[in-house]
Amino acid sequence: MKYDILSEIPGDELYIGSFSYTNRIKETWVGFGYGKKVNNNLGIGFSAFGTFRDQEMLLTKSADVFTNVDSINLEVISNTFEQSNMIYRNAGLLFLVGATWSYDKFKFGVNLTTPRINVKFLANSDLKKNYYLYNPFSVNDTLPIKASYWENKVKSLFKSPWTLDLVIEYPIDSATFAYGKISFFAPIKKYKILIPEEITDLDIPSQTPDIGSFTNMVLANKFLVNIAVSIRRRVSEKFEVLLGFKTDFNYLNKKSIDVTQEFYPGQTYWNLYHLTGGVVWSWEKFDMSLGGSYTFGVKNNIKQYVNLSSPSVDNNLYGVRDYSAKAKFNQASLFLGFTYFFSRI
């Protein structure tokens, strides 16, 4: 756009700003479980899972100011460039124990999930950051500032909370069943997800703007309660239909994290909601299920990642970030399941 960003130069300059952000998270779980019916009213179970979390984040932004906007010979007189790249890996183990029991028409269940045990030799991360600023019209930045930072095989940490699930089942009639679940998630105090070696200094020089927070990555979980409800309808002896709804409130404790000095590497920090549905076919030794879910969420008044609409010299050729951003989350998922029974209980 044409914009009078430099008061020292008459008229408008040509301003070109760009911003690109990618954040991918993939978490794979592999596990096994064992369940046993103790008597007609009581059953117990145990599960163990191995997890591997793989996250890649790439953020690039730049701003260039040109003179001679009416000429084909443009001249760059101020510019800034910043690129941050993180590849974050973490592996862990966690365990689940649970029980079910029956009373009259009701069936109850309780499930306890342990915190994640980090597997240190699989927890390596890579960081890289490049920064360049040449802003001769600023009192503070008359000389070019260049900085590059990289760190390989940084040890990482990822914590998950104690989780308690309480479940109830109630038969509405002989073919229709209602379910409810409430889940409690314990809080986790603020911790750094990157753990450098003692001889490694992750702090970039303070004279380089907005870089130190990139390496100071932290997480903090607040106490959380989620709920879920569902209906199961047995259409025939071998065919069932299920519908459900569940909340997915965000666990991030924003009161414990200083976003100006610390970096939160997550994807969303607002609440999500899930609508689910599916069908189940049953045979003597196995079940096959087909279902889907729709997840949605909206967040208003979010702080901008970058403001390119009103750049200023004193803000490194960007505008001051405000809370005018709005986020929408929409996701559709398809599930196909197969369960084999050595013996049905």
Protein backbone atom coordinates (compact mmCIF):
# COMPACT_ATOMS: atom_id res chain seq x y z
CA MET A 1 0.00 0.00 0.00
CA LYS A 2 1.00 3.66 -0.35
CA TYR A 3 1.44 5.06 3.12
CA ASP A 4 3.25 7.97 4.71
CA ILE A 5 5.33 5.93 7.14
CA LEU A 6 8.39 8.25 7.07
CA SER A 7 7.65 11.81 8.11
CA GLU A 8 11.13 12.91 7.01
CA ILE A 9 10.28 12.16 3.37
CA PRO A 10 7.46 14.16 1.71
CA GLY A 11 4.49 12.19 0.39
CA ASP A 12 3.68 8.53 0.59
CA GLU A 13 6.13 5.66 0.49
CA LEU A 14 5.40 2.20 -0.85
CA TYR A 15 4.96 -0.26 2.01
CA ILE A 16 4.96 -4.03 1.43
CA GLY A 17 4.35 -6.23 4.46
CA SER A 18 3.91 -9.99 4.63
CA PHE A 19 3.14 -12.60 7.25
CA SER A 20 3.08 -16.40 7.07
CA TYR A 21 2.42 -18.81 9.92
CA THR A 22 2.23 -22.61 9.95
CA ASN A 23 1.79 -24.76 13.06
CA ARG A 24 1.36 -28.52 12.67
CA ILE A 25 0.94 -30.91 15.60
CA LYS A 26 0.77 -34.69 15.28
CA GLU A 27 0.46 -36.95 18.31
CA THR A 28 0.50 -40.73 17.91
CA TRP A 29 -0.69 -43.11 20.63
CA VAL A 30 0.04 -46.84 20.74
CA GLY A 31 -1.16 -49.00 23.62
CA PHE A 32 -2.85 -52.08 24.97
CA GLY A 33 -5.55 -52.76 27.53
CA TYR A 34 -6.84 -55.59 29.66
CA GLY A 35 -10.27 -55.92 31.25
CA LYS A 36 -11.85 -58.54 33.49
CA LYS A 37 -15.34 -59.09 34.83
CA VAL A 38 -14.92 -59.82 38.53
CA ASN A 39 -18.58 -60.69 39.13
CA ASN A 40 -22.01 -59.83 37.76
CA ASN A 41 -21.77 -56.26 39.07
CA LEU A 42 -18.06 -55.38 38.94
CA GLY A 43 -15.43 -55.14 36.22
CA ILE A 44 -11.86 -53.78 36.28
CA GLY A 45 -9.42 -52.72 33.59
CA PHE A 46 -5.89 -51.48 32.93
CA SER A 47 -4.28 -49.78 29.92
CA ALA A 48 -0.80 -48.54 29.03
CA PHE A 49 0.03 -46.13 26.20
CA GLY A 50 3.15 -44.85 24.53
CA THR A 51 2.85 -41.40 22.95
CA PHE A 52 4.95 -39.45 20.48
CA ARG A 53 4.31 -35.75 19.89
CA ASP A 54 5.74 -34.11 16.77
CA GLN A 55 5.23 -30.39 16.20
CA GLU A 56 6.59 -28.08 13.53
CA MET A 57 6.11 -24.33 13.61
CA LEU A 58 7.28 -21.81 10.99
CA LEU A 59 6.63 -18.07 11.30
CA THR A 60 7.89 -15.54 8.76
CA LYS A 61 7.17 -11.83 8.59
CA SER A 62 8.76 -8.96 6.72
CA ALA A 63 8.24 -5.27 5.98
CA ASP A 64 9.86 -3.14 3.26
CA VAL A 65 9.60 0.60 2.66
CA PHE A 66 10.36 1.97 -0.82
CA THR A 67 10.74 5.50 -2.17
CA ASN A 68 10.04 6.73 -5.70
CA VAL A 69 6.61 5.14 -5.62
CA ASP A 70 5.75 6.64 -9.04
CA SER A 71 8.93 5.39 -10.64
CA ILE A 72 9.94 1.98 -11.92
CA ASN A 73 13.20 2.30 -10.00
CA LEU A 74 12.15 1.55 -6.45
CA GLU A 75 14.68 1.95 -3.68
CA VAL A 76 14.48 0.12 -0.37
CA ILE A 77 15.22 2.56 2.43
CA SER A 78 14.00 0.57 5.45
CA ASN A 79 13.25 -3.08 5.93
CA THR A 80 12.90 -5.81 8.52
CA PHE A 81 12.75 -9.60 8.29
CA GLU A 82 12.10 -12.25 10.90
CA GLN A 83 11.84 -16.03 10.60
CA SER A 84 11.29 -18.51 13.44
CA ASN A 85 11.36 -22.27 12.95
CA MET A 86 10.79 -24.91 15.63
CA ILE A 87 10.69 -28.70 15.35
CA TYR A 88 9.55 -30.05 18.72
CA ARG A 89 9.53 -33.75 19.58
CA ASN A 90 8.54 -35.51 22.76
CA ALA A 91 7.79 -39.11 23.75
CA GLY A 92 6.09 -40.40 26.86
CA LEU A 93 4.28 -43.18 28.71
CA LEU A 94 1.02 -43.02 30.62
CA PHE A 95 -1.28 -45.52 32.33
CA LEU A 96 -5.00 -45.86 32.93
CA VAL A 97 -6.87 -47.86 35.56
CA GLY A 98 -10.62 -48.14 35.77
CA ALA A 99 -13.63 -49.99 37.11
CA THR A 100 -17.31 -50.43 36.28
CA TRP A 101 -20.14 -51.60 38.45
CA SER A 102 -23.90 -51.99 38.20
CA TYR A 103 -26.63 -50.95 40.59
CA ASP A 104 -30.28 -51.48 39.76
CA LYS A 105 -30.76 -50.02 36.24
CA PHE A 106 -27.67 -47.87 36.44
CA LYS A 107 -24.13 -48.64 35.36
CA PHE A 108 -21.25 -46.58 36.67
CA GLY A 109 -17.64 -46.23 35.60
CA VAL A 110 -14.53 -44.53 36.93
CA ASN A 111 -11.22 -44.10 35.13
CA LEU A 112 -7.95 -42.59 36.38
CA THR A 113 -5.20 -41.50 33.98
CA THR A 114 -1.69 -40.89 35.28
CA PRO A 115 0.55 -37.98 34.26
CA ARG A 116 2.84 -38.57 31.32
CA ILE A 117 6.30 -40.02 32.00
CA ASN A 118 8.74 -38.42 29.56
CA VAL A 119 11.10 -40.70 27.61
CA LYS A 120 14.16 -38.47 27.55
CA PHE A 121 16.21 -40.09 24.80
CA LEU A 122 13.36 -39.50 22.31
CA ALA A 123 12.74 -35.90 23.40
CA ASN A 124 14.88 -33.78 21.08
CA SER A 125 13.94 -30.44 19.50
CA ASP A 126 15.50 -28.07 16.98
CA LEU A 127 15.24 -24.27 16.98
CA LYS A 128 16.29 -21.70 14.41
CA LYS A 129 15.73 -17.96 14.19
CA ASN A 130 16.94 -15.26 11.78
CA TYR A 131 16.38 -11.56 12.32
CA TYR A 132 17.34 -8.49 10.30
CA LEU A 133 16.39 -4.86 10.83
CA TYR A 134 17.55 -1.74 9.01
CA ASN A 135 15.61 1.31 10.10
CA PRO A 136 17.76 4.44 9.58
CA PHE A 137 14.88 6.80 10.37
CA SER A 138 14.50 5.42 13.88
CA VAL A 139 16.45 7.00 16.71
CA ASN A 140 17.27 3.57 18.17
CA ASP A 141 17.95 1.52 15.03
CA THR A 142 20.06 3.64 12.71
CA LEU A 143 22.51 0.78 12.14
CA PRO A 144 21.52 -2.62 10.70
CA ILE A 145 20.81 -5.28 13.31
CA LYS A 146 21.43 -8.88 12.32
CA ALA A 147 21.02 -11.96 14.47
CA SER A 148 20.94 -15.68 13.81
CA TYR A 149 20.28 -18.34 16.38
CA TRP A 150 20.02 -22.10 16.17
CA GLU A 151 20.07 -24.95 18.65
CA ASN A 152 19.91 -28.65 17.85
CA LYS A 153 18.93 -31.64 19.99
CA VAL A 154 17.49 -29.55 22.79
CA LYS A 155 15.86 -31.75 25.42
CA SER A 156 12.12 -31.24 25.67
CA LEU A 157 9.40 -31.80 28.25
CA PHE A 158 5.65 -32.21 27.89
CA LYS A 159 3.38 -32.80 30.86
CA SER A 160 -0.16 -34.13 31.04
CA PRO A 161 -2.31 -33.93 34.18
CA TRP A 162 -3.93 -36.45 36.46
CA THR A 163 -7.34 -37.07 34.90
CA LEU A 164 -10.44 -38.53 36.54
CA ASP A 165 -13.41 -39.66 34.43
CA LEU A 166 -16.81 -40.49 35.93
CA VAL A 167 -19.35 -42.20 33.66
CA ILE A 168 -23.01 -43.17 34.06
CA GLU A 169 -25.30 -45.27 31.85
CA TYR A 170 -29.08 -45.36 32.15
CA PRO A 171 -31.56 -47.39 30.04
CA ILE A 172 -34.39 -45.15 28.85
CA ASP A 173 -36.16 -48.22 27.51
CA SER A 174 -35.18 -51.70 26.36
CA ALA A 175 -33.53 -50.37 23.18
CA THR A 176 -32.37 -46.84 24.12
CA PHE A 177 -29.53 -45.96 26.47
CA ALA A 178 -28.33 -42.58 27.74
CA TYR A 179 -24.75 -41.88 28.81
CA GLY A 180 -23.05 -39.05 30.64
CA LYS A 181 -19.42 -38.35 31.49
CA ILE A 182 -17.67 -35.71 33.52
CA SER A 183 -13.89 -35.37 33.40
CA PHE A 184 -11.67 -33.56 35.89
CA PHE A 185 -8.18 -32.40 34.88
CA ALA A 186 -5.69 -31.44 37.58
CA PRO A 187 -3.69 -28.20 37.20
CA ILE A 188 -0.03 -28.12 36.21
CA LYS A 189 2.25 -25.30 37.29
CA LYS A 190 4.13 -23.35 34.67
CA TYR A 191 7.13 -25.20 33.26
CA LYS A 192 9.58 -24.83 30.40
CA ILE A 193 9.10 -27.28 27.56
CA LEU A 194 12.71 -26.84 26.39
CA ILE A 195 15.56 -27.91 28.66
CA PRO A 196 18.97 -26.90 27.30
CA GLU A 197 22.26 -28.28 28.51
CA GLU A 198 23.88 -26.31 31.33
CA ILE A 199 26.52 -24.89 29.00
CA THR A 200 23.90 -23.72 26.50
CA ASP A 201 22.51 -20.21 26.67
CA LEU A 202 19.14 -20.00 24.94
CA ASP A 203 18.79 -16.25 25.47
CA ILE A 204 19.42 -14.15 22.39
CA PRO A 205 20.99 -10.71 23.05
CA SER A 206 18.44 -8.29 24.42
CA GLN A 207 19.20 -5.64 21.81
CA THR A 208 17.60 -7.86 19.20
CA PRO A 209 13.86 -7.15 19.47
CA ASP A 210 11.23 -9.84 20.01
CA ILE A 211 13.55 -12.83 19.81
CA GLY A 212 14.11 -13.84 23.43
CA SER A 213 10.52 -14.99 23.94
CA PHE A 214 10.81 -17.50 21.09
CA THR A 215 13.27 -19.63 23.05
CA ASN A 216 11.47 -19.22 26.37
CA MET A 217 8.66 -21.70 25.62
CA VAL A 218 6.40 -22.51 28.54
CA LEU A 219 3.12 -24.25 29.33
CA ALA A 220 0.75 -24.10 32.30
CA ASN A 221 -2.50 -26.05 32.78
CA LYS A 222 -5.48 -24.79 34.73
CA PHE A 223 -7.96 -26.98 36.60
CA LEU A 224 -10.54 -28.06 34.06
CA VAL A 225 -13.88 -29.85 33.85
CA ASN A 226 -15.30 -31.27 30.60
CA ILE A 227 -18.63 -33.00 30.04
CA ALA A 228 -20.03 -35.37 27.44
CA VAL A 229 -23.50 -36.82 26.76
CA SER A 230 -24.66 -39.40 24.25
CA ILE A 231 -27.58 -41.58 23.20
CA ARG A 232 -27.36 -45.14 21.87
CA ARG A 233 -30.34 -46.67 20.07
CA ARG A 234 -30.47 -50.38 19.24
CA VAL A 235 -32.31 -50.55 15.94
CA SER A 236 -31.99 -54.32 15.61
CA GLU A 237 -30.07 -57.16 17.19
CA LYS A 238 -27.00 -56.38 15.06
CA PHE A 239 -27.32 -52.65 14.37
CA GLU A 240 -27.02 -49.59 16.62
CA VAL A 241 -27.02 -45.80 16.16
CA LEU A 242 -25.15 -43.35 18.41
CA LEU A 243 -25.27 -39.56 18.80
CA GLY A 244 -23.24 -37.41 21.17
CA PHE A 245 -21.92 -34.03 22.25
CA LYS A 246 -18.84 -33.12 24.29
CA THR A 247 -16.97 -30.04 25.40
CA ASP A 248 -13.25 -29.48 24.88
CA PHE A 249 -12.37 -26.51 27.06
CA ASN A 250 -8.86 -25.20 26.60
CA TYR A 251 -6.45 -26.08 29.38
CA LEU A 252 -3.97 -23.21 28.94
CA ASN A 253 -3.60 -21.11 32.09
CA LYS A 254 -3.10 -17.69 30.51
CA LYS A 255 -2.89 -16.03 33.92
CA SER A 256 0.43 -17.82 34.57
CA ILE A 257 2.09 -17.00 31.24
CA ASP A 258 3.49 -13.60 30.33
CA VAL A 259 2.96 -13.47 26.57
CA THR A 260 5.42 -10.57 26.20
CA GLN A 261 8.32 -12.55 27.69
CA GLU A 262 7.27 -16.18 27.16
CA PHE A 263 6.12 -18.18 24.19
CA TYR A 264 3.18 -20.60 24.05
CA PRO A 265 3.69 -23.05 21.15
CA GLY A 266 0.12 -24.37 20.98
CA GLN A 267 -2.38 -24.07 18.14
CA THR A 268 -5.54 -22.82 19.82
CA TYR A 269 -6.28 -21.23 23.16
CA TRP A 270 -10.05 -21.11 22.98
CA ASN A 271 -12.82 -23.62 23.69
CA LEU A 272 -13.95 -26.25 21.17
CA TYR A 273 -17.14 -28.30 20.95
CA HIS A 274 -17.73 -31.69 19.32
CA LEU A 275 -20.86 -33.18 17.71
CA THR A 276 -20.52 -36.90 17.02
CA GLY A 277 -22.56 -39.66 15.42
CA GLY A 278 -22.14 -43.16 14.09
CA VAL A 279 -23.42 -46.68 13.60
CA VAL A 280 -22.23 -50.08 14.89
CA TRP A 281 -22.68 -53.50 13.32
CA SER A 282 -22.28 -56.48 15.66
CA TRP A 283 -21.39 -60.09 14.92
CA GLU A 284 -20.58 -62.99 17.19
CA LYS A 285 -16.85 -62.26 17.56
CA PHE A 286 -16.41 -58.65 16.50
CA ASP A 287 -17.96 -55.19 16.12
CA MET A 288 -17.46 -52.77 13.27
CA SER A 289 -18.20 -49.07 13.69
CA LEU A 290 -18.44 -46.13 11.31
CA GLY A 291 -18.82 -42.59 12.57
CA GLY A 292 -17.91 -38.97 12.24
CA SER A 293 -17.55 -35.79 14.23
CA TYR A 294 -17.79 -32.06 13.65
CA THR A 295 -15.70 -29.77 15.83
CA PHE A 296 -16.20 -26.02 15.99
CA GLY A 297 -15.11 -23.00 18.00
CA VAL A 298 -15.05 -19.22 17.75
CA LYS A 299 -12.90 -16.68 19.57
CA ASN A 300 -13.24 -12.91 19.37
CA ASN A 301 -10.93 -10.11 20.48
CA ILE A 302 -7.69 -12.05 19.99
CA LYS A 303 -4.38 -10.21 19.95
CA GLN A 304 -3.00 -10.00 16.42
CA TYR A 305 0.10 -11.91 15.43
CA VAL A 306 1.10 -8.90 13.34
CA ASN A 307 -0.47 -5.59 12.31
CA LEU A 308 0.33 -4.49 8.76
CA SER A 309 -2.39 -1.85 8.43
CA SER A 310 -0.78 1.08 10.29
CA PRO A 311 3.03 0.62 10.32
CA SER A 312 5.29 2.99 12.19
CA VAL A 313 9.01 3.59 12.34
CA ASP A 314 9.09 3.18 16.09
CA ASN A 315 7.53 -0.30 15.92
CA ASN A 316 10.08 -1.88 13.58
CA LEU A 317 7.99 -0.98 10.51
CA TYR A 318 4.89 -2.77 11.80
CA GLY A 319 1.72 -1.47 13.37
CA VAL A 320 0.97 -1.87 17.06
CA ARG A 321 -0.81 -5.17 17.64
CA ASP A 322 -4.33 -4.83 18.99
CA TYR A 323 -7.10 -7.23 20.05
CA SER A 324 -9.21 -7.06 16.89
CA ALA A 325 -8.47 -10.52 15.50
CA LYS A 326 -11.14 -13.22 15.29
CA ALA A 327 -10.57 -16.96 14.97
CA LYS A 328 -12.86 -19.72 13.70
CA PHE A 329 -12.20 -23.43 14.07
CA ASN A 330 -14.00 -26.02 11.93
CA GLN A 331 -13.00 -29.65 11.58
CA ALA A 332 -14.71 -32.75 10.21
CA SER A 333 -13.43 -36.24 11.10
CA LEU A 334 -14.30 -39.75 9.96
CA PHE A 335 -13.78 -42.84 12.13
CA LEU A 336 -13.67 -46.52 11.24
CA GLY A 337 -13.33 -49.02 14.09
CA PHE A 338 -12.96 -52.76 14.48
CA THR A 339 -13.16 -54.62 17.82
CA TYR A 340 -12.48 -58.33 18.21
CA PHE A 341 -13.78 -60.20 21.28
CA PHE A 342 -12.02 -63.29 22.53
CA SER A 343 -15.15 -63.78 24.61
CA ARG A 344 -18.03 -61.37 25.15
CA ILE A 345 -18.97 -60.56 28.75
